[in-house]
Amino acid sequence: YGDKFTVFGRTIELHVTHMNVGLLYVLALTSVGVYGIVLAGWS
């Protein structure tokens, strides 16, 4: 969400995690979301 910035001598990074496979992670999680739709119909 942004770059690093410093507040009172402490460096704050505006992202949750350093992930080198971020795109793969996003594609994997969005494919899991389809199971919710199928489960709703089946249940």
All heavy atoms as atom14 arrays in JSON, in Angstrom:
{
  "sequence": "YGDKFTVFGRTIELHVTHMNVGLLYVLALTSVGVYGIVLAGWS",
  "atom14_mask": [
    [1, 1, 1, 1, 1, 1, 1, 1, 1, 1, 1, 1, 0, 0],
    [1, 1, 1, 1, 0, 0, 0, 0, 0, 0, 0, 0, 0, 0],
    [1, 1, 1, 1, 1, 1, 1, 1, 0, 0, 0, 0, 0, 0],
    [1, 1, 1, 1, 1, 1, 1, 1, 1, 0, 0, 0, 0, 0],
    [1, 1, 1, 1, 1, 1, 1, 1, 1, 1, 1, 0, 0, 0],
    [1, 1, 1, 1, 1, 1, 1, 0, 0, 0, 0, 0, 0, 0],
    [1, 1, 1, 1, 1, 1, 1, 0, 0, 0, 0, 0, 0, 0],
    [1, 1, 1, 1, 1, 1, 1, 1, 1, 1, 1, 0, 0, 0],
    [1, 1, 1, 1, 0, 0, 0, 0, 0, 0, 0, 0, 0, 0],
    [1, 1, 1, 1, 1, 1, 1, 1, 1, 1, 1, 0, 0, 0],
    [1, 1, 1, 1, 1, 1, 1, 0, 0, 0, 0, 0, 0, 0],
    [1, 1, 1, 1, 1, 1, 1, 1, 0, 0, 0, 0, 0, 0],
    [1, 1, 1, 1, 1, 1, 1, 1, 1, 0, 0, 0, 0, 0],
    [1, 1, 1, 1, 1, 1, 1, 1, 0, 0, 0, 0, 0, 0],
    [1, 1, 1, 1, 1, 1, 1, 1, 1, 1, 0, 0, 0, 0],
    [1, 1, 1, 1, 1, 1, 1, 0, 0, 0, 0, 0, 0, 0],
    [1, 1, 1, 1, 1, 1, 1, 0, 0, 0, 0, 0, 0, 0],
    [1, 1, 1, 1, 1, 1, 1, 1, 1, 1, 0, 0, 0, 0],
    [1, 1, 1, 1, 1, 1, 1, 1, 0, 0, 0, 0, 0, 0],
    [1, 1, 1, 1, 1, 1, 1, 1, 0, 0, 0, 0, 0, 0],
    [1, 1, 1, 1, 1, 1, 1, 0, 0, 0, 0, 0, 0, 0],
    [1, 1, 1, 1, 0, 0, 0, 0, 0, 0, 0, 0, 0, 0],
    [1, 1, 1, 1, 1, 1, 1, 1, 0, 0, 0, 0, 0, 0],
    [1, 1, 1, 1, 1, 1, 1, 1, 0, 0, 0, 0, 0, 0],
    [1, 1, 1, 1, 1, 1, 1, 1, 1, 1, 1, 1, 0, 0],
    [1, 1, 1, 1, 1, 1, 1, 0, 0, 0, 0, 0, 0, 0],
    [1, 1, 1, 1, 1, 1, 1, 1, 0, 0, 0, 0, 0, 0],
    [1, 1, 1, 1, 1, 0, 0, 0, 0, 0, 0, 0, 0, 0],
    [1, 1, 1, 1, 1, 1, 1, 1, 0, 0, 0, 0, 0, 0],
    [1, 1, 1, 1, 1, 1, 1, 0, 0, 0, 0, 0, 0, 0],
    [1, 1, 1, 1, 1, 1, 0, 0, 0, 0, 0, 0, 0, 0],
    [1, 1, 1, 1, 1, 1, 1, 0, 0, 0, 0, 0, 0, 0],
    [1, 1, 1, 1, 0, 0, 0, 0, 0, 0, 0, 0, 0, 0],
    [1, 1, 1, 1, 1, 1, 1, 0, 0, 0, 0, 0, 0, 0],
    [1, 1, 1, 1, 1, 1, 1, 1, 1, 1, 1, 1, 0, 0],
    [1, 1, 1, 1, 0, 0, 0, 0, 0, 0, 0, 0, 0, 0],
    [1, 1, 1, 1, 1, 1, 1, 1, 0, 0, 0, 0, 0, 0],
    [1, 1, 1, 1, 1, 1, 1, 0, 0, 0, 0, 0, 0, 0],
    [1, 1, 1, 1, 1, 1, 1, 1, 0, 0, 0, 0, 0, 0],
    [1, 1, 1, 1, 1, 0, 0, 0, 0, 0, 0, 0, 0, 0],
    [1, 1, 1, 1, 0, 0, 0, 0, 0, 0, 0, 0, 0, 0],
    [1, 1, 1, 1, 1, 1, 1, 1, 1, 1, 1, 1, 1, 1],
    [1, 1, 1, 1, 1, 1, 0, 0, 0, 0, 0, 0, 0, 0]
  ],
  "atom14_positions": [
    [[0.8, -1.22, 0.0], [0.0, 0.0, 0.0], [0.84, 1.27, 0.0], [0.3, 2.35, -0.1], [-0.94, 0.01, 1.21], [-1.98, -1.07, 1.1], [-1.89, -2.22, 1.85], [-3.04, -0.95, 0.22], [-2.82, -3.22, 1.74], [-3.98, -1.93, 0.09], [-3.86, -3.07, 0.86], [-4.78, -4.06, 0.73], [0.0, 0.0, 0.0], [0.0, 0.0, 0.0]],
    [[2.14, 1.15, 0.14], [3.01, 2.31, 0.11], [4.43, 1.93, 0.43], [4.78, 0.76, 0.6], [0.0, 0.0, 0.0], [0.0, 0.0, 0.0], [0.0, 0.0, 0.0], [0.0, 0.0, 0.0], [0.0, 0.0, 0.0], [0.0, 0.0, 0.0], [0.0, 0.0, 0.0], [0.0, 0.0, 0.0], [0.0, 0.0, 0.0], [0.0, 0.0, 0.0]],
    [[5.28, 2.95, 0.5], [6.69, 2.75, 0.77], [6.95, 2.82, 2.27], [6.05, 3.05, 3.06], [7.49, 3.83, 0.04], [8.92, 3.43, -0.2], [9.23, 2.23, -0.05], [9.73, 4.31, -0.53], [0.0, 0.0, 0.0], [0.0, 0.0, 0.0], [0.0, 0.0, 0.0], [0.0, 0.0, 0.0], [0.0, 0.0, 0.0], [0.0, 0.0, 0.0]],
    [[8.19, 2.65, 2.64], [8.57, 2.75, 4.05], [8.55, 4.22, 4.48], [8.83, 5.11, 3.69], [9.98, 2.21, 4.25], [10.16, 0.78, 3.89], [11.62, 0.41, 4.05], [11.86, -0.98, 3.51], [13.27, -1.35, 3.57], [0.0, 0.0, 0.0], [0.0, 0.0, 0.0], [0.0, 0.0, 0.0], [0.0, 0.0, 0.0], [0.0, 0.0, 0.0]],
    [[8.21, 4.46, 5.72], [8.35, 5.79, 6.3], [8.76, 5.66, 7.75], [8.57, 4.62, 8.38], [7.1, 6.65, 6.11], [5.9, 6.18, 6.86], [5.62, 6.69, 8.12], [5.01, 5.26, 6.32], [4.51, 6.28, 8.83], [3.9, 4.85, 7.01], [3.65, 5.36, 8.27], [0.0, 0.0, 0.0], [0.0, 0.0, 0.0], [0.0, 0.0, 0.0]],
    [[9.34, 6.71, 8.26], [9.9, 6.66, 9.61], [9.12, 7.59, 10.53], [8.86, 8.74, 10.19], [11.38, 7.1, 9.59], [12.07, 6.26, 8.66], [12.0, 6.96, 10.96], [0.0, 0.0, 0.0], [0.0, 0.0, 0.0], [0.0, 0.0, 0.0], [0.0, 0.0, 0.0], [0.0, 0.0, 0.0], [0.0, 0.0, 0.0], [0.0, 0.0, 0.0]],
    [[8.72, 7.07, 11.69], [8.01, 7.84, 12.7], [8.76, 7.66, 14.02], [8.87, 6.55, 14.53], [6.54, 7.36, 12.85], [5.83, 8.11, 13.96], [5.8, 7.49, 11.55], [0.0, 0.0, 0.0], [0.0, 0.0, 0.0], [0.0, 0.0, 0.0], [0.0, 0.0, 0.0], [0.0, 0.0, 0.0], [0.0, 0.0, 0.0], [0.0, 0.0, 0.0]],
    [[9.26, 8.75, 14.56], [10.0, 8.75, 15.82], [11.14, 7.73, 15.82], [11.36, 7.01, 16.79], [9.08, 8.48, 17.01], [7.99, 9.51, 17.15], [6.66, 9.15, 17.03], [8.29, 10.84, 17.4], [5.65, 10.08, 17.16], [7.29, 11.78, 17.52], [5.97, 11.41, 17.41], [0.0, 0.0, 0.0], [0.0, 0.0, 0.0], [0.0, 0.0, 0.0]],
    [[11.85, 7.64, 14.7], [12.99, 6.74, 14.6], [12.65, 5.3, 14.31], [13.53, 4.45, 14.24], [0.0, 0.0, 0.0], [0.0, 0.0, 0.0], [0.0, 0.0, 0.0], [0.0, 0.0, 0.0], [0.0, 0.0, 0.0], [0.0, 0.0, 0.0], [0.0, 0.0, 0.0], [0.0, 0.0, 0.0], [0.0, 0.0, 0.0], [0.0, 0.0, 0.0]],
    [[11.39, 4.99, 14.13], [10.97, 3.62, 13.85], [10.48, 3.53, 12.41], [9.64, 4.32, 11.98], [9.86, 3.22, 14.8], [9.45, 1.79, 14.64], [8.49, 1.39, 15.71], [8.13, -0.01, 15.5], [7.18, -0.62, 16.13], [6.48, 0.02, 17.04], [6.91, -1.87, 15.9], [0.0, 0.0, 0.0], [0.0, 0.0, 0.0], [0.0, 0.0, 0.0]],
    [[10.99, 2.56, 11.64], [10.61, 2.38, 10.25], [9.34, 1.53, 10.16], [9.27, 0.45, 10.73], [11.74, 1.71, 9.46], [12.93, 2.5, 9.59], [11.38, 1.59, 7.99], [0.0, 0.0, 0.0], [0.0, 0.0, 0.0], [0.0, 0.0, 0.0], [0.0, 0.0, 0.0], [0.0, 0.0, 0.0], [0.0, 0.0, 0.0], [0.0, 0.0, 0.0]],
    [[8.36, 2.04, 9.43], [7.09, 1.35, 9.25], [6.9, 1.06, 7.77], [7.01, 1.96, 6.94], [5.91, 2.19, 9.79], [6.1, 2.42, 11.28], [4.59, 1.5, 9.49], [5.09, 3.35, 11.89], [0.0, 0.0, 0.0], [0.0, 0.0, 0.0], [0.0, 0.0, 0.0], [0.0, 0.0, 0.0], [0.0, 0.0, 0.0], [0.0, 0.0, 0.0]],
    [[6.63, -0.19, 7.45], [6.37, -0.59, 6.06], [4.88, -0.76, 5.86], [4.19, -1.34, 6.7], [7.11, -1.89, 5.76], [8.62, -1.76, 5.9], [9.33, -3.07, 5.63], [8.66, -4.06, 5.27], [10.55, -3.09, 5.76], [0.0, 0.0, 0.0], [0.0, 0.0, 0.0], [0.0, 0.0, 0.0], [0.0, 0.0, 0.0], [0.0, 0.0, 0.0]],
    [[4.38, -0.29, 4.74], [2.94, -0.33, 4.49], [2.53, -1.54, 3.65], [1.86, -1.43, 2.63], [2.49, 0.96, 3.79], [2.59, 2.21, 4.64], [2.19, 3.42, 3.83], [1.72, 2.1, 5.87], [0.0, 0.0, 0.0], [0.0, 0.0, 0.0], [0.0, 0.0, 0.0], [0.0, 0.0, 0.0], [0.0, 0.0, 0.0], [0.0, 0.0, 0.0]],
    [[2.94, -2.7, 4.1], [2.44, -3.96, 3.54], [2.53, -5.03, 4.62], [3.29, -4.92, 5.57], [3.2, -4.36, 2.28], [4.67, -4.51, 2.47], [5.53, -3.45, 2.46], [5.42, -5.61, 2.68], [6.75, -3.88, 2.66], [6.71, -5.19, 2.8], [0.0, 0.0, 0.0], [0.0, 0.0, 0.0], [0.0, 0.0, 0.0], [0.0, 0.0, 0.0]],
    [[1.72, -6.04, 4.45], [1.61, -7.07, 5.48], [2.76, -8.06, 5.42], [3.33, -8.43, 6.43], [0.26, -7.81, 5.37], [0.15, -8.92, 6.39], [-0.89, -6.83, 5.53], [0.0, 0.0, 0.0], [0.0, 0.0, 0.0], [0.0, 0.0, 0.0], [0.0, 0.0, 0.0], [0.0, 0.0, 0.0], [0.0, 0.0, 0.0], [0.0, 0.0, 0.0]],
    [[3.12, -8.48, 4.22], [4.13, -9.52, 4.09], [5.02, -9.28, 2.89], [4.63, -8.62, 1.93], [3.46, -10.9, 3.97], [4.45, -11.9, 3.92], [2.59, -11.01, 2.75], [0.0, 0.0, 0.0], [0.0, 0.0, 0.0], [0.0, 0.0, 0.0], [0.0, 0.0, 0.0], [0.0, 0.0, 0.0], [0.0, 0.0, 0.0], [0.0, 0.0, 0.0]],
    [[6.23, -9.83, 2.94], [7.12, -9.87, 1.79], [6.93, -11.23, 1.15], [7.32, -12.25, 1.7], [8.59, -9.75, 2.22], [8.92, -8.44, 2.83], [9.06, -7.3, 2.09], [9.15, -8.08, 4.1], [9.37, -6.3, 2.87], [9.42, -6.76, 4.13], [0.0, 0.0, 0.0], [0.0, 0.0, 0.0], [0.0, 0.0, 0.0], [0.0, 0.0, 0.0]],
    [[6.31, -11.26, 0.0], [6.04, -12.54, -0.63], [6.52, -12.49, -2.07], [6.03, -11.68, -2.86], [4.55, -12.88, -0.56], [4.25, -14.31, -0.92], [2.53, -14.76, -0.69], [2.41, -14.81, 1.06], [0.0, 0.0, 0.0], [0.0, 0.0, 0.0], [0.0, 0.0, 0.0], [0.0, 0.0, 0.0], [0.0, 0.0, 0.0], [0.0, 0.0, 0.0]],
    [[7.46, -13.34, -2.42], [7.99, -13.36, -3.79], [7.03, -14.01, -4.77], [7.15, -13.81, -5.96], [9.33, -14.1, -3.81], [10.39, -13.36, -3.06], [10.34, -12.14, -2.94], [11.35, -14.09, -2.54], [0.0, 0.0, 0.0], [0.0, 0.0, 0.0], [0.0, 0.0, 0.0], [0.0, 0.0, 0.0], [0.0, 0.0, 0.0], [0.0, 0.0, 0.0]],
    [[6.11, -14.8, -4.28], [5.16, -15.5, -5.15], [3.76, -14.9, -4.96], [2.78, -15.63, -4.9], [5.18, -17.01, -4.88], [6.44, -17.64, -5.38], [4.96, -17.31, -3.42], [0.0, 0.0, 0.0], [0.0, 0.0, 0.0], [0.0, 0.0, 0.0], [0.0, 0.0, 0.0], [0.0, 0.0, 0.0], [0.0, 0.0, 0.0], [0.0, 0.0, 0.0]],
    [[3.67, -13.6, -4.88], [2.4, -12.93, -4.6], [1.33, -13.22, -5.64], [0.17, -13.46, -5.3], [0.0, 0.0, 0.0], [0.0, 0.0, 0.0], [0.0, 0.0, 0.0], [0.0, 0.0, 0.0], [0.0, 0.0, 0.0], [0.0, 0.0, 0.0], [0.0, 0.0, 0.0], [0.0, 0.0, 0.0], [0.0, 0.0, 0.0], [0.0, 0.0, 0.0]],
    [[1.7, -13.2, -6.92], [0.71, -13.45, -7.97], [0.2, -14.89, -7.9], [-1.01, -15.13, -8.05], [1.31, -13.17, -9.35], [0.37, -13.36, -10.52], [-0.82, -12.41, -10.41], [1.1, -13.14, -11.82], [0.0, 0.0, 0.0], [0.0, 0.0, 0.0], [0.0, 0.0, 0.0], [0.0, 0.0, 0.0], [0.0, 0.0, 0.0], [0.0, 0.0, 0.0]],
    [[1.08, -15.82, -7.66], [0.67, -17.22, -7.52], [-0.26, -17.4, -6.31], [-1.24, -18.15, -6.36], [1.9, -18.12, -7.38], [1.65, -19.61, -7.3], [1.01, -20.11, -8.58], [2.94, -20.34, -7.03], [0.0, 0.0, 0.0], [0.0, 0.0, 0.0], [0.0, 0.0, 0.0], [0.0, 0.0, 0.0], [0.0, 0.0, 0.0], [0.0, 0.0, 0.0]],
    [[0.05, -16.7, -5.24], [-0.78, -16.72, -4.03], [-2.19, -16.19, -4.32], [-3.18, -16.8, -3.91], [-0.1, -15.89, -2.94], [-0.85, -15.77, -1.66], [-0.86, -16.79, -0.73], [-1.56, -14.61, -1.36], [-1.55, -16.66, 0.46], [-2.25, -14.48, -0.18], [-2.24, -15.51, 0.73], [-2.93, -15.38, 1.9], [0.0, 0.0, 0.0], [0.0, 0.0, 0.0]],
    [[-2.27, -15.09, -5.04], [-3.58, -14.5, -5.38], [-4.37, -15.45, -6.27], [-5.57, -15.66, -6.05], [-3.39, -13.13, -6.05], [-4.69, -12.63, -6.65], [-2.86, -12.12, -5.06], [0.0, 0.0, 0.0], [0.0, 0.0, 0.0], [0.0, 0.0, 0.0], [0.0, 0.0, 0.0], [0.0, 0.0, 0.0], [0.0, 0.0, 0.0], [0.0, 0.0, 0.0]],
    [[-3.72, -16.04, -7.27], [-4.43, -16.97, -8.15], [-4.91, -18.21, -7.4], [-6.0, -18.71, -7.65], [-3.52, -17.37, -9.31], [-3.22, -16.27, -10.33], [-2.21, -16.75, -11.34], [-4.48, -15.79, -10.99], [0.0, 0.0, 0.0], [0.0, 0.0, 0.0], [0.0, 0.0, 0.0], [0.0, 0.0, 0.0], [0.0, 0.0, 0.0], [0.0, 0.0, 0.0]],
    [[-4.11, -18.7, -6.48], [-4.5, -19.88, -5.71], [-5.69, -19.58, -4.81], [-6.63, -20.38, -4.72], [-3.33, -20.37, -4.87], [0.0, 0.0, 0.0], [0.0, 0.0, 0.0], [0.0, 0.0, 0.0], [0.0, 0.0, 0.0], [0.0, 0.0, 0.0], [0.0, 0.0, 0.0], [0.0, 0.0, 0.0], [0.0, 0.0, 0.0], [0.0, 0.0, 0.0]],
    [[-5.69, -18.43, -4.15], [-6.8, -18.11, -3.25], [-8.08, -17.8, -4.0], [-9.17, -18.14, -3.54], [-6.42, -16.93, -2.35], [-5.55, -17.3, -1.18], [-5.2, -16.07, -0.37], [-6.22, -18.3, -0.29], [0.0, 0.0, 0.0], [0.0, 0.0, 0.0], [0.0, 0.0, 0.0], [0.0, 0.0, 0.0], [0.0, 0.0, 0.0], [0.0, 0.0, 0.0]],
    [[-7.98, -17.16, -5.16], [-9.21, -16.89, -5.91], [-9.8, -18.17, -6.48], [-11.01, -18.26, -6.65], [-8.95, -15.88, -7.04], [-7.88, -16.34, -7.86], [-8.62, -14.51, -6.48], [0.0, 0.0, 0.0], [0.0, 0.0, 0.0], [0.0, 0.0, 0.0], [0.0, 0.0, 0.0], [0.0, 0.0, 0.0], [0.0, 0.0, 0.0], [0.0, 0.0, 0.0]],
    [[-8.97, -19.18, -6.75], [-9.53, -20.45, -7.21], [-10.22, -21.2, -6.07], [-11.15, -21.96, -6.3], [-8.43, -21.32, -7.82], [-7.51, -21.73, -6.84], [0.0, 0.0, 0.0], [0.0, 0.0, 0.0], [0.0, 0.0, 0.0], [0.0, 0.0, 0.0], [0.0, 0.0, 0.0], [0.0, 0.0, 0.0], [0.0, 0.0, 0.0], [0.0, 0.0, 0.0]],
    [[-9.79, -20.98, -4.84], [-10.45, -21.61, -3.69], [-11.83, -20.98, -3.46], [-12.76, -21.65, -3.0], [-9.57, -21.47, -2.42], [-10.32, -21.88, -1.18], [-8.32, -22.31, -2.57], [0.0, 0.0, 0.0], [0.0, 0.0, 0.0], [0.0, 0.0, 0.0], [0.0, 0.0, 0.0], [0.0, 0.0, 0.0], [0.0, 0.0, 0.0], [0.0, 0.0, 0.0]],
    [[-12.0, -19.72, -3.82], [-13.29, -19.05, -3.64], [-14.43, -19.69, -4.42], [-15.59, -19.56, -4.05], [0.0, 0.0, 0.0], [0.0, 0.0, 0.0], [0.0, 0.0, 0.0], [0.0, 0.0, 0.0], [0.0, 0.0, 0.0], [0.0, 0.0, 0.0], [0.0, 0.0, 0.0], [0.0, 0.0, 0.0], [0.0, 0.0, 0.0], [0.0, 0.0, 0.0]],
    [[-14.1, -20.39, -5.49], [-15.13, -21.05, -6.3], [-15.8, -22.17, -5.51], [-16.98, -22.46, -5.7], [-14.51, -21.59, -7.6], [-15.5, -22.38, -8.42], [-13.95, -20.44, -8.42], [0.0, 0.0, 0.0], [0.0, 0.0, 0.0], [0.0, 0.0, 0.0], [0.0, 0.0, 0.0], [0.0, 0.0, 0.0], [0.0, 0.0, 0.0], [0.0, 0.0, 0.0]],
    [[-15.07, -22.8, -4.61], [-15.64, -23.88, -3.82], [-16.8, -23.4, -2.95], [-17.71, -24.17, -2.66], [-14.56, -24.54, -2.94], [-13.58, -25.35, -3.72], [-12.23, -25.0, -3.74], [-13.99, -26.45, -4.45], [-11.32, -25.75, -4.46], [-13.08, -27.2, -5.18], [-11.75, -26.84, -5.17], [-10.85, -27.57, -5.89], [0.0, 0.0, 0.0], [0.0, 0.0, 0.0]],
    [[-16.78, -22.18, -2.53], [-17.9, -21.63, -1.76], [-19.19, -21.59, -2.57], [-20.27, -21.87, -2.04], [0.0, 0.0, 0.0], [0.0, 0.0, 0.0], [0.0, 0.0, 0.0], [0.0, 0.0, 0.0], [0.0, 0.0, 0.0], [0.0, 0.0, 0.0], [0.0, 0.0, 0.0], [0.0, 0.0, 0.0], [0.0, 0.0, 0.0], [0.0, 0.0, 0.0]],
    [[-19.07, -21.26, -3.83], [-20.25, -21.21, -4.71], [-20.81, -22.61, -4.93], [-22.02, -22.84, -4.86], [-19.88, -20.54, -6.04], [-19.45, -19.09, -5.79], [-21.04, -20.59, -7.02], [-18.81, -18.43, -6.97], [0.0, 0.0, 0.0], [0.0, 0.0, 0.0], [0.0, 0.0, 0.0], [0.0, 0.0, 0.0], [0.0, 0.0, 0.0], [0.0, 0.0, 0.0]],
    [[-19.93, -23.56, -5.18], [-20.36, -24.95, -5.38], [-20.97, -25.51, -4.1], [-22.0, -26.2, -4.13], [-19.18, -25.81, -5.87], [-19.56, -27.28, -5.92], [-18.7, -25.33, -7.21], [0.0, 0.0, 0.0], [0.0, 0.0, 0.0], [0.0, 0.0, 0.0], [0.0, 0.0, 0.0], [0.0, 0.0, 0.0], [0.0, 0.0, 0.0], [0.0, 0.0, 0.0]],
    [[-20.36, -25.21, -2.97], [-20.86, -25.69, -1.68], [-22.23, -25.11, -1.36], [-23.08, -25.8, -0.8], [-19.88, -25.36, -0.57], [-20.19, -25.9, 0.81], [-20.18, -27.42, 0.79], [-19.21, -25.38, 1.82], [0.0, 0.0, 0.0], [0.0, 0.0, 0.0], [0.0, 0.0, 0.0], [0.0, 0.0, 0.0], [0.0, 0.0, 0.0], [0.0, 0.0, 0.0]],
    [[-22.46, -23.86, -1.73], [-23.77, -23.25, -1.5], [-24.86, -23.98, -2.29], [-25.95, -24.24, -1.77], [-23.74, -21.77, -1.87], [0.0, 0.0, 0.0], [0.0, 0.0, 0.0], [0.0, 0.0, 0.0], [0.0, 0.0, 0.0], [0.0, 0.0, 0.0], [0.0, 0.0, 0.0], [0.0, 0.0, 0.0], [0.0, 0.0, 0.0], [0.0, 0.0, 0.0]],
    [[-24.57, -24.32, -3.54], [-25.55, -25.05, -4.34], [-25.77, -26.46, -3.84], [-26.9, -26.95, -3.79], [0.0, 0.0, 0.0], [0.0, 0.0, 0.0], [0.0, 0.0, 0.0], [0.0, 0.0, 0.0], [0.0, 0.0, 0.0], [0.0, 0.0, 0.0], [0.0, 0.0, 0.0], [0.0, 0.0, 0.0], [0.0, 0.0, 0.0], [0.0, 0.0, 0.0]],
    [[-24.69, -27.12, -3.46], [-24.8, -28.51, -2.99], [-25.52, -28.59, -1.65], [-26.31, -29.5, -1.41], [-23.4, -29.11, -2.9], [-23.39, -30.53, -2.46], [-23.9, -31.6, -3.11], [-22.85, -31.01, -1.24], [-23.69, -32.73, -2.39], [-23.05, -32.41, -1.22], [-22.21, -30.42, -0.15], [-22.64, -33.2, -0.18], [-21.8, -31.21, 0.89], [-22.02, -32.58, 0.86]],
    [[-25.26, -27.65, -0.76], [-25.86, -27.7, 0.57], [-27.34, -27.35, 0.55], [-28.06, -27.65, 1.49], [-25.12, -26.76, 1.53], [-25.34, -25.42, 1.15], [0.0, 0.0, 0.0], [0.0, 0.0, 0.0], [0.0, 0.0, 0.0], [0.0, 0.0, 0.0], [0.0, 0.0, 0.0], [0.0, 0.0, 0.0], [0.0, 0.0, 0.0], [0.0, 0.0, 0.0]]
  ]
}
